[in-house]
C-alpha atoms as a PDB file:
ATOM      1  CA  MET A   1     148.852 105.331 138.538  1.00  0.00           C
ATOM      2  CA  ASN A   2     149.735 104.058 135.190  1.00  0.00           C
ATOM      3  CA  ILE A   3     147.797 103.987 131.751  1.00  0.00           C
ATOM      4  CA  THR A   4     146.758 100.390 132.753  1.00  0.00           C
ATOM      5  CA  GLN A   5     145.670 101.262 136.180  1.00  0.00           C
ATOM      6  CA  PHE A   6     143.544 104.507 134.758  1.00  0.00           C
ATOM      7  CA  ILE A   7     141.981 102.229 132.018  1.00  0.00           C
ATOM      8  CA  ARG A   8     140.984  99.498 134.326  1.00  0.00           C
ATOM      9  CA  HIS A   9     139.841 102.014 137.209  1.00  0.00           C
ATOM     10  CA  TYR A  10     138.248 104.621 134.967  1.00  0.00           C
ATOM     11  CA  TYR A  11     136.494 102.392 132.104  1.00  0.00           C
ATOM     12  CA  ILE A  12     136.521  98.679 133.349  1.00  0.00           C
ATOM     13  CA  ASN A  13     135.895  98.342 136.737  1.00  0.00           C
ATOM     14  CA  PRO A  14     132.550 100.111 135.834  1.00  0.00           C
ATOM     15  CA  ILE A  15     131.645  97.612 133.609  1.00  0.00           C
ATOM     16  CA  VAL A  16     132.399  94.773 135.197  1.00  0.00           C
ATOM     17  CA  TYR A  17     131.161  96.137 138.794  1.00  0.00           C
ATOM     18  CA  ASP A  18     128.292  97.919 136.908  1.00  0.00           C
ATOM     19  CA  THR A  19     128.921 100.810 139.169  1.00  0.00           C
ATOM     20  CA  LYS A  20     128.197 104.639 138.988  1.00  0.00           C
ATOM     21  CA  TYR A  21     129.440 106.765 135.940  1.00  0.00           C
ATOM     22  CA  ASN A  22     132.606 108.603 136.313  1.00  0.00           C
ATOM     23  CA  PRO A  23     133.420 112.292 134.592  1.00  0.00           C
ATOM     24  CA  VAL A  24     136.222 110.233 132.923  1.00  0.00           C
ATOM     25  CA  ASP A  25     134.198 107.345 131.115  1.00  0.00           C
ATOM     26  CA  THR A  26     131.224 109.990 130.949  1.00  0.00           C
ATOM     27  CA  ILE A  27     133.163 112.600 128.858  1.00  0.00           C
ATOM     28  CA  THR A  28     134.921 109.639 126.646  1.00  0.00           C
ATOM     29  CA  TYR A  29     131.519 108.015 126.245  1.00  0.00           C
ATOM     30  CA  ALA A  30     130.209 111.709 125.009  1.00  0.00           C
ATOM     31  CA  ILE A  31     133.127 112.321 122.435  1.00  0.00           C
ATOM     32  CA  VAL A  32     132.574 108.668 121.227  1.00  0.00           C
ATOM     33  CA  LEU A  33     129.041 109.233 120.492  1.00  0.00           C
ATOM     34  CA  GLY A  34     129.727 112.149 118.559  1.00  0.00           C
ATOM     35  CA  LEU A  35     132.126 110.421 116.341  1.00  0.00           C
ATOM     36  CA  CYS A  36     130.087 108.064 115.550  1.00  0.00           C
ATOM     37  CA  LEU A  37     127.126 110.071 114.400  1.00  0.00           C
ATOM     38  CA  PHE A  38     128.931 111.074 111.272  1.00  0.00           C
ATOM     39  CA  GLY A  39     129.850 107.229 110.839  1.00  0.00           C
ATOM     40  CA  VAL A  40     126.152 106.200 111.202  1.00  0.00           C
ATOM     41  CA  LEU A  41     124.860 108.944 108.833  1.00  0.00           C
ATOM     42  CA  ARG A  42     127.331 107.752 106.177  1.00  0.00           C
ATOM     43  CA  LEU A  43     126.137 104.240 106.553  1.00  0.00           C
ATOM     44  CA  LEU A  44     122.510 105.438 106.158  1.00  0.00           C
ATOM     45  CA  LYS A  45     123.656 107.669 103.343  1.00  0.00           C
ATOM     46  CA  LYS A  46     125.245 104.440 101.373  1.00  0.00           C
ATOM     47  CA  LEU A  47     122.112 102.061 102.433  1.00  0.00           C
ATOM     48  CA  ASN A  48     119.553 105.405 101.017  1.00  0.00           C
ATOM     49  CA  VAL A  49     117.835 105.597 104.110  1.00  0.00           C
ATOM     50  CA  ARG A  50     115.787 108.856 104.535  1.00  0.00           C
ATOM     51  CA  ILE A  51     116.097 109.627 107.893  1.00  0.00           C
ATOM     52  CA  ASP A  52     112.453 110.946 108.547  1.00  0.00           C
ATOM     53  CA  GLU A  53     109.541 110.572 111.419  1.00  0.00           C
ATOM     54  CA  ARG A  54     108.900 107.597 110.303  1.00  0.00           C
ATOM     55  CA  PHE A  55     112.144 106.235 110.530  1.00  0.00           C
ATOM     56  CA  ILE A  56     112.623 107.528 113.852  1.00  0.00           C
ATOM     57  CA  LEU A  57     109.479 105.538 114.897  1.00  0.00           C
ATOM     58  CA  ALA A  58     110.478 102.149 112.996  1.00  0.00           C
ATOM     59  CA  THR A  59     113.857 102.596 115.247  1.00  0.00           C
ATOM     60  CA  SER A  60     111.839 103.212 118.398  1.00  0.00           C
ATOM     61  CA  PRO A  61     111.643  99.612 119.153  1.00  0.00           C
ATOM     62  CA  TYR A  62     115.385  99.036 118.874  1.00  0.00           C
ATOM     63  CA  ILE A  63     115.567 101.575 122.351  1.00  0.00           C
ATOM     64  CA  ILE A  64     112.968  99.658 124.343  1.00  0.00           C
ATOM     65  CA  LEU A  65     114.959  96.446 123.181  1.00  0.00           C
ATOM     66  CA  GLY A  66     118.367  97.743 124.443  1.00  0.00           C
ATOM     67  CA  SER A  67     116.059  98.901 127.799  1.00  0.00           C
ATOM     68  CA  VAL A  68     114.959  95.405 128.361  1.00  0.00           C
ATOM     69  CA  LEU A  69     118.213  93.620 127.859  1.00  0.00           C
ATOM     70  CA  ARG A  70     119.870  96.026 130.122  1.00  0.00           C
ATOM     71  CA  VAL A  71     117.197  94.885 132.957  1.00  0.00           C
ATOM     72  CA  ALA A  72     117.449  91.681 132.374  1.00  0.00           C
ATOM     73  CA  GLU A  73     121.139  91.793 133.133  1.00  0.00           C
ATOM     74  CA  ASP A  74     119.989  93.936 136.232  1.00  0.00           C
ATOM     75  CA  ALA A  75     117.984  90.954 137.050  1.00  0.00           C
ATOM     76  CA  GLU A  76     121.018  88.725 136.983  1.00  0.00           C
ATOM     77  CA  ILE A  77     119.820  86.524 134.274  1.00  0.00           C
ATOM     78  CA  PHE A  78     123.272  86.521 132.264  1.00  0.00           C
ATOM     79  CA  GLU A  79     126.573  85.250 133.371  1.00  0.00           C
ATOM     80  CA  ALA A  80     130.058  86.809 133.430  1.00  0.00           C
ATOM     81  CA  PRO A  81     131.259  87.358 130.875  1.00  0.00           C
ATOM     82  CA  VAL A  82     128.644  87.549 128.548  1.00  0.00           C
ATOM     83  CA  ARG A  83     126.762  89.694 130.834  1.00  0.00           C
ATOM     84  CA  TYR A  84     129.328  92.612 130.161  1.00  0.00           C
ATOM     85  CA  LEU A  85     127.944  92.579 126.814  1.00  0.00           C
ATOM     86  CA  PHE A  86     124.749  94.215 128.622  1.00  0.00           C
ATOM     87  CA  ILE A  87     126.205  96.914 130.408  1.00  0.00           C
ATOM     88  CA  THR A  88     126.394 100.217 129.180  1.00  0.00           C
ATOM     89  CA  PRO A  89     128.065 101.049 126.878  1.00  0.00           C
ATOM     90  CA  LEU A  90     128.870  97.866 125.401  1.00  0.00           C
ATOM     91  CA  ILE A  91     124.935  96.895 125.074  1.00  0.00           C
ATOM     92  CA  TYR A  92     124.827 100.239 122.953  1.00  0.00           C
ATOM     93  CA  PHE A  93     127.072  98.666 120.320  1.00  0.00           C
ATOM     94  CA  LEU A  94     125.026  95.282 120.533  1.00  0.00           C
ATOM     95  CA  ILE A  95     121.988  97.340 119.981  1.00  0.00           C
ATOM     96  CA  PHE A  96     123.297  99.116 117.011  1.00  0.00           C
ATOM     97  CA  PHE A  97     124.263  95.891 115.632  1.00  0.00           C
ATOM     98  CA  ILE A  98     121.320  94.086 115.898  1.00  0.00           C
ATOM     99  CA  CYS A  99     119.877  97.751 115.046  1.00  0.00           C
ATOM    100  CA  VAL A 100     121.775  97.941 111.648  1.00  0.00           C
ATOM    101  CA  SER A 101     121.866  94.179 110.575  1.00  0.00           C
ATOM    102  CA  SER A 102     117.553  94.396 110.843  1.00  0.00           C
ATOM    103  CA  LEU A 103     117.751  97.817 108.546  1.00  0.00           C
ATOM    104  CA  VAL A 104     120.197  96.359 105.960  1.00  0.00           C
ATOM    105  CA  ILE A 105     118.698  93.148 105.748  1.00  0.00           C
ATOM    106  CA  SER A 106     114.994  95.383 105.445  1.00  0.00           C
ATOM    107  CA  VAL A 107     116.723  97.611 102.850  1.00  0.00           C
ATOM    108  CA  LYS A 108     118.221  94.600 101.158  1.00  0.00           C
ATOM    109  CA  LEU A 109     114.605  92.925 100.758  1.00  0.00           C
ATOM    110  CA  PHE A 110     113.199  96.609  99.453  1.00  0.00           C
ATOM    111  CA  LYS A 111     115.369  97.141  97.019  1.00  0.00           C
ATOM    112  CA  ILE A 112     114.814  93.288  95.461  1.00  0.00           C
ATOM    113  CA  LYS A 113     111.215  94.044  95.698  1.00  0.00           C
ATOM    114  CA  LYS A 114     110.353  91.584  98.312  1.00  0.00           C
ATOM    115  CA  ILE A 115     108.835  94.402 100.371  1.00  0.00           C
ATOM    116  CA  SER A 116     107.260  97.654  99.196  1.00  0.00           C
ATOM    117  CA  ASP A 117     108.083  99.562 103.029  1.00  0.00           C
ATOM    118  CA  TYR A 118     111.506  98.632 104.946  1.00  0.00           C
ATOM    119  CA  ASN A 119     110.499 100.826 107.463  1.00  0.00           C
ATOM    120  CA  ARG A 120     107.562  98.481 108.319  1.00  0.00           C
ATOM    121  CA  LEU A 121     109.604  95.528 108.258  1.00  0.00           C
ATOM    122  CA  PHE A 122     112.350  97.167 110.113  1.00  0.00           C
ATOM    123  CA  GLY A 123     109.875  98.222 112.955  1.00  0.00           C
ATOM    124  CA  PHE A 124     108.429  94.814 113.448  1.00  0.00           C
ATOM    125  CA  ILE A 125     111.578  93.022 113.463  1.00  0.00           C
ATOM    126  CA  GLY A 126     112.655  95.079 116.617  1.00  0.00           C
ATOM    127  CA  VAL A 127     109.006  94.181 117.792  1.00  0.00           C
ATOM    128  CA  ALA A 128     109.710  90.583 117.650  1.00  0.00           C
ATOM    129  CA  TRP A 129     112.790  91.287 119.474  1.00  0.00           C
ATOM    130  CA  ILE A 130     111.329  92.978 121.979  1.00  0.00           C
ATOM    131  CA  ILE A 131     108.324  90.299 122.715  1.00  0.00           C
ATOM    132  CA  VAL A 132     111.210  87.747 122.856  1.00  0.00           C
ATOM    133  CA  SER A 133     113.400  89.325 125.503  1.00  0.00           C
ATOM    134  CA  LEU A 134     110.365  90.523 127.592  1.00  0.00           C
ATOM    135  CA  THR A 135     109.169  86.895 127.363  1.00  0.00           C
ATOM    136  CA  MET A 136     112.499  85.711 128.623  1.00  0.00           C
ATOM    137  CA  LEU A 137     112.789  88.299 131.521  1.00  0.00           C
ATOM    138  CA  LEU A 138     108.982  87.602 132.427  1.00  0.00           C
ATOM    139  CA  MET A 139     110.150  84.009 132.751  1.00  0.00           C
ATOM    140  CA  GLU A 140     112.283  84.799 135.409  1.00  0.00           C
ATOM    141  CA  LYS A 141     110.715  88.044 137.274  1.00  0.00           C
ATOM    142  CA  SER A 142     107.259  88.624 138.185  1.00  0.00           C
ATOM    143  CA  VAL A 143     105.619  91.820 138.271  1.00  0.00           C
ATOM    144  CA  GLU A 144     105.981  93.653 141.992  1.00  0.00           C
ATOM    145  CA  VAL A 145     105.207  97.413 141.828  1.00  0.00           C
ATOM    146  CA  MET A 146     102.005  97.711 139.031  1.00  0.00           C
ATOM    147  CA  TRP A 147     101.425 101.395 139.515  1.00  0.00           C
ATOM    148  CA  VAL A 148     105.212 102.559 138.565  1.00  0.00           C
ATOM    149  CA  PRO A 149     104.395 102.565 134.682  1.00  0.00           C
ATOM    150  CA  PHE A 150     101.136 104.295 135.014  1.00  0.00           C
ATOM    151  CA  ALA A 151     102.769 106.693 137.269  1.00  0.00           C
ATOM    152  CA  VAL A 152     105.845 107.200 135.419  1.00  0.00           C
ATOM    153  CA  PHE A 153     104.214 107.620 131.945  1.00  0.00           C
ATOM    154  CA  SER A 154     101.237 109.468 133.058  1.00  0.00           C
ATOM    155  CA  ILE A 155     103.280 112.182 134.317  1.00  0.00           C
ATOM    156  CA  ALA A 156     105.571 112.719 131.543  1.00  0.00           C
ATOM    157  CA  ILE A 157     102.989 112.517 128.820  1.00  0.00           C
ATOM    158  CA  ALA A 158     100.870 115.165 131.235  1.00  0.00           C
ATOM    159  CA  VAL A 159     104.075 117.382 131.217  1.00  0.00           C
ATOM    160  CA  SER A 160     105.023 117.394 127.684  1.00  0.00           C
ATOM    161  CA  SER A 161     101.422 118.056 126.608  1.00  0.00           C
ATOM    162  CA  VAL A 162     101.560 121.411 128.383  1.00  0.00           C
ATOM    163  CA  PHE A 163     104.660 122.295 125.801  1.00  0.00           C
ATOM    164  CA  TYR A 164     103.107 121.041 123.120  1.00  0.00           C
ATOM    165  CA  ALA A 165     100.036 123.211 123.975  1.00  0.00           C
ATOM    166  CA  ILE A 166     102.086 126.174 124.313  1.00  0.00           C
ATOM    167  CA  GLY A 167     103.931 125.297 120.967  1.00  0.00           C
ATOM    168  CA  HIS A 168     100.466 125.614 119.542  1.00  0.00           C
ATOM    169  CA  TYR A 169      99.182 128.884 121.491  1.00  0.00           C
ATOM    170  CA  MET A 170     102.195 130.597 120.365  1.00  0.00           C
ATOM    171  CA  GLY A 171     102.894 129.319 116.848  1.00  0.00           C
ATOM    172  CA  LEU A 172     106.157 128.257 118.368  1.00  0.00           C
ATOM    173  CA  ASP A 173     107.146 125.059 115.450  1.00  0.00           C
ATOM    174  CA  PHE A 174     109.895 123.831 117.350  1.00  0.00           C
ATOM    175  CA  LEU A 175     107.343 122.245 120.127  1.00  0.00           C
ATOM    176  CA  LYS A 176     104.302 121.505 118.290  1.00  0.00           C
ATOM    177  CA  ASN A 177     105.658 118.618 116.003  1.00  0.00           C
ATOM    178  CA  LYS A 178     105.778 114.808 116.579  1.00  0.00           C
ATOM    179  CA  ILE A 179     109.438 114.154 117.187  1.00  0.00           C
ATOM    180  CA  SER A 180     109.937 117.291 120.128  1.00  0.00           C
ATOM    181  CA  PHE A 181     106.738 116.101 121.506  1.00  0.00           C
ATOM    182  CA  ALA A 182     108.315 112.185 121.467  1.00  0.00           C
ATOM    183  CA  ILE A 183     111.765 113.554 123.067  1.00  0.00           C
ATOM    184  CA  LEU A 184     109.974 115.716 125.442  1.00  0.00           C
ATOM    185  CA  THR A 185     108.442 112.683 126.464  1.00  0.00           C
ATOM    186  CA  GLY A 186     111.153 110.199 126.603  1.00  0.00           C
ATOM    187  CA  HIS A 187     113.128 112.463 128.593  1.00  0.00           C
ATOM    188  CA  LEU A 188     110.381 113.317 131.148  1.00  0.00           C
ATOM    189  CA  VAL A 189     109.995 109.290 131.405  1.00  0.00           C
ATOM    190  CA  ASP A 190     113.588 109.619 132.394  1.00  0.00           C
ATOM    191  CA  ALA A 191     113.222 112.468 134.999  1.00  0.00           C
ATOM    192  CA  SER A 192     109.854 110.574 136.436  1.00  0.00           C
ATOM    193  CA  SER A 193     111.665 107.445 136.518  1.00  0.00           C
ATOM    194  CA  SER A 194     114.426 108.878 138.442  1.00  0.00           C
ATOM    195  CA  TYR A 195     111.571 110.770 140.743  1.00  0.00           C
ATOM    196  CA  ILE A 196     109.817 107.919 141.697  1.00  0.00           C
ATOM    197  CA  GLY A 197     112.496 105.477 142.130  1.00  0.00           C
ATOM    198  CA  ILE A 198     114.597 107.706 144.039  1.00  0.00           C
ATOM    199  CA  GLU A 199     112.129 109.488 146.168  1.00  0.00           C
ATOM    200  CA  LYS A 200     109.864 106.969 146.816  1.00  0.00           C
ATOM    201  CA  LEU A 201     111.270 103.355 146.377  1.00  0.00           C
ATOM    202  CA  GLY A 202     115.182 103.640 147.597  1.00  0.00           C
ATOM    203  CA  TYR A 203     116.910 103.531 144.268  1.00  0.00           C
ATOM    204  CA  VAL A 204     120.176 105.588 143.652  1.00  0.00           C
ATOM    205  CA  GLY A 205     121.554 107.831 140.818  1.00  0.00           C
ATOM    206  CA  LYS A 206     123.925 106.280 138.440  1.00  0.00           C
ATOM    207  CA  HIS A 207     124.829 109.542 136.438  1.00  0.00           C
ATOM    208  CA  VAL A 208     127.527 112.315 137.180  1.00  0.00           C
ATOM    209  CA  VAL A 209     125.358 115.306 136.708  1.00  0.00           C
ATOM    210  CA  GLU A 210     122.325 113.746 137.969  1.00  0.00           C
ATOM    211  CA  SER A 211     123.882 112.316 141.389  1.00  0.00           C
ATOM    212  CA  PHE A 212     125.912 115.999 141.593  1.00  0.00           C
ATOM    213  CA  LEU A 213     122.482 117.902 141.502  1.00  0.00           C
ATOM    214  CA  ILE A 214     120.349 115.460 143.425  1.00  0.00           C
ATOM    215  CA  LYS A 215     122.983 115.468 146.508  1.00  0.00           C
ATOM    216  CA  TYR A 216     122.846 119.687 145.794  1.00  0.00           C
ATOM    217  CA  THR A 217     119.247 120.256 146.104  1.00  0.00           C
ATOM    218  CA  ASP A 218     118.124 117.014 147.893  1.00  0.00           C
ATOM    219  CA  SER A 219     115.532 116.573 145.645  1.00  0.00           C
ATOM    220  CA  ALA A 220     115.398 114.286 142.385  1.00  0.00           C
ATOM    221  CA  LEU A 221     112.430 116.734 141.670  1.00  0.00           C
ATOM    222  CA  VAL A 222     115.689 118.337 140.097  1.00  0.00           C
ATOM    223  CA  MET A 223     115.889 116.182 137.156  1.00  0.00           C
ATOM    224  CA  TYR A 224     112.352 118.271 135.666  1.00  0.00           C
ATOM    225  CA  PRO A 225     113.806 121.556 134.945  1.00  0.00           C
ATOM    226  CA  LEU A 226     117.270 120.043 134.477  1.00  0.00           C
ATOM    227  CA  LYS A 227     115.344 118.292 131.363  1.00  0.00           C
ATOM    228  CA  ILE A 228     113.545 121.477 130.137  1.00  0.00           C
ATOM    229  CA  ILE A 229     116.253 123.696 130.721  1.00  0.00           C
ATOM    230  CA  ILE A 230     118.443 121.710 128.095  1.00  0.00           C
ATOM    231  CA  LEU A 231     116.012 120.225 125.711  1.00  0.00           C
ATOM    232  CA  ILE A 232     113.759 123.179 125.031  1.00  0.00           C
ATOM    233  CA  PRO A 233     117.149 125.527 123.432  1.00  0.00           C
ATOM    234  CA  THR A 234     118.368 122.256 122.031  1.00  0.00           C
ATOM    235  CA  LEU A 235     115.372 121.519 119.982  1.00  0.00           C
ATOM    236  CA  TYR A 236     114.792 125.083 118.859  1.00  0.00           C
ATOM    237  CA  ILE A 237     118.557 125.741 117.799  1.00  0.00           C
ATOM    238  CA  LEU A 238     118.172 122.044 115.793  1.00  0.00           C
ATOM    239  CA  HIS A 239     114.918 123.363 113.785  1.00  0.00           C
ATOM    240  CA  GLU A 240     115.777 126.945 113.451  1.00  0.00           C
ATOM    241  CA  TYR A 241     118.883 126.661 112.316  1.00  0.00           C
ATOM    242  CA  PHE A 242     119.114 123.606 110.380  1.00  0.00           C
ATOM    243  CA  THR A 243     116.895 123.736 107.896  1.00  0.00           C
ATOM    244  CA  ASP A 244     119.082 123.614 104.443  1.00  0.00           C
ATOM    245  CA  GLU A 245     118.344 120.470 102.169  1.00  0.00           C
ATOM    246  CA  GLY A 246     121.527 118.795 103.390  1.00  0.00           C
ATOM    247  CA  GLU A 247     121.256 119.568 107.442  1.00  0.00           C
ATOM    248  CA  ILE A 248     117.794 117.524 107.342  1.00  0.00           C
ATOM    249  CA  ASP A 249     119.251 114.371 107.681  1.00  0.00           C
ATOM    250  CA  LEU A 250     122.051 115.075 110.553  1.00  0.00           C
ATOM    251  CA  LYS A 251     119.462 117.194 112.385  1.00  0.00           C
ATOM    252  CA  ASN A 252     117.175 114.191 112.589  1.00  0.00           C
ATOM    253  CA  LEU A 253     119.815 111.825 113.430  1.00  0.00           C
ATOM    254  CA  VAL A 254     121.016 114.365 115.954  1.00  0.00           C
ATOM    255  CA  LEU A 255     117.149 114.187 117.272  1.00  0.00           C
ATOM    256  CA  LEU A 256     117.045 111.102 117.439  1.00  0.00           C
ATOM    257  CA  VAL A 257     120.274 110.492 119.784  1.00  0.00           C
ATOM    258  CA  VAL A 258     118.733 112.975 122.268  1.00  0.00           C
ATOM    259  CA  LEU A 259     115.360 110.605 121.832  1.00  0.00           C
ATOM    260  CA  VAL A 260     117.803 107.446 123.175  1.00  0.00           C
ATOM    261  CA  LEU A 261     119.424 109.226 125.820  1.00  0.00           C
ATOM    262  CA  GLY A 262     116.626 109.934 127.598  1.00  0.00           C
ATOM    263  CA  PHE A 263     113.981 107.224 126.468  1.00  0.00           C
ATOM    264  CA  ALA A 264     116.507 104.475 127.295  1.00  0.00           C
ATOM    265  CA  PRO A 265     117.562 104.982 130.737  1.00  0.00           C
ATOM    266  CA  GLY A 266     113.806 106.068 131.553  1.00  0.00           C
ATOM    267  CA  VAL A 267     112.127 102.830 130.361  1.00  0.00           C
ATOM    268  CA  ARG A 268     115.127 100.531 131.805  1.00  0.00           C
ATOM    269  CA  ASN A 269     114.485 102.494 134.986  1.00  0.00           C
ATOM    270  CA  THR A 270     110.567 101.972 135.065  1.00  0.00           C
ATOM    271  CA  ILE A 271     110.804  98.123 133.824  1.00  0.00           C
ATOM    272  CA  ARG A 272     113.201  97.699 136.953  1.00  0.00           C
ATOM    273  CA  MET A 273     111.161  99.157 139.459  1.00  0.00           C
ATOM    274  CA  THR A 274     108.057  97.432 138.133  1.00  0.00           C
ATOM    275  CA  LEU A 275     109.828  94.098 138.212  1.00  0.00           C
ATOM    276  CA  GLY A 276     111.258  95.110 141.889  1.00  0.00           C
ATOM    277  CA  VAL A 277     115.071  94.806 139.892  1.00  0.00           C
END
């Protein structure tokens, strides 16, 4: 296999045909994500944007926006080659561009004193994008399985609430803050949507690790312990060892990325199943 065939087989074909991820593109995207983190951190510092709870909250609508647009592609609303922009990993670059553009506009207006809070405008722009995108999607697709979002979010919130309560009872600071609760809930939305989709509605997992573990255990329930086993140590390490003033922004940016990696696919799965896509 020459280099052209290698690139086409492992990178281009999974996008063009929207097939499962493979070990090569999964590792590559993980490396690219790690490198992009430092670029984003430098950009936010240049804009003098503080990465805190309010910023993470304001960014959340853009996570949902990416999920809605991804489902729009699943529903075949877009034609090639435009549709390729809405398939992973290209959709991450698209949402990143929309997100950064909205943030820059908000910060510029804040600096010239046209607004008093750039996070608020930044978040509102994201919500406006969601309304437009969701309206477009619902004009093409109707709700088919109404119970799915209620089941997915009820299970996710219930399980994450248990860990939140454990954090309070045992005095574990890394479990009893809002960001940790949001991250646990987001990833449990992913786990719950995977379980319901695969076990109850006949969907198939696309991710390498997910597919392997489900095949090995013969149950999508494995997604719950997998998420917990990965997330609890991650949250602990970030909370306990990234405490210096100069590391806070990096820590919170990593937490935001962790939130995106769980919440985005979880919301996408939930919307897909709800609309029967």
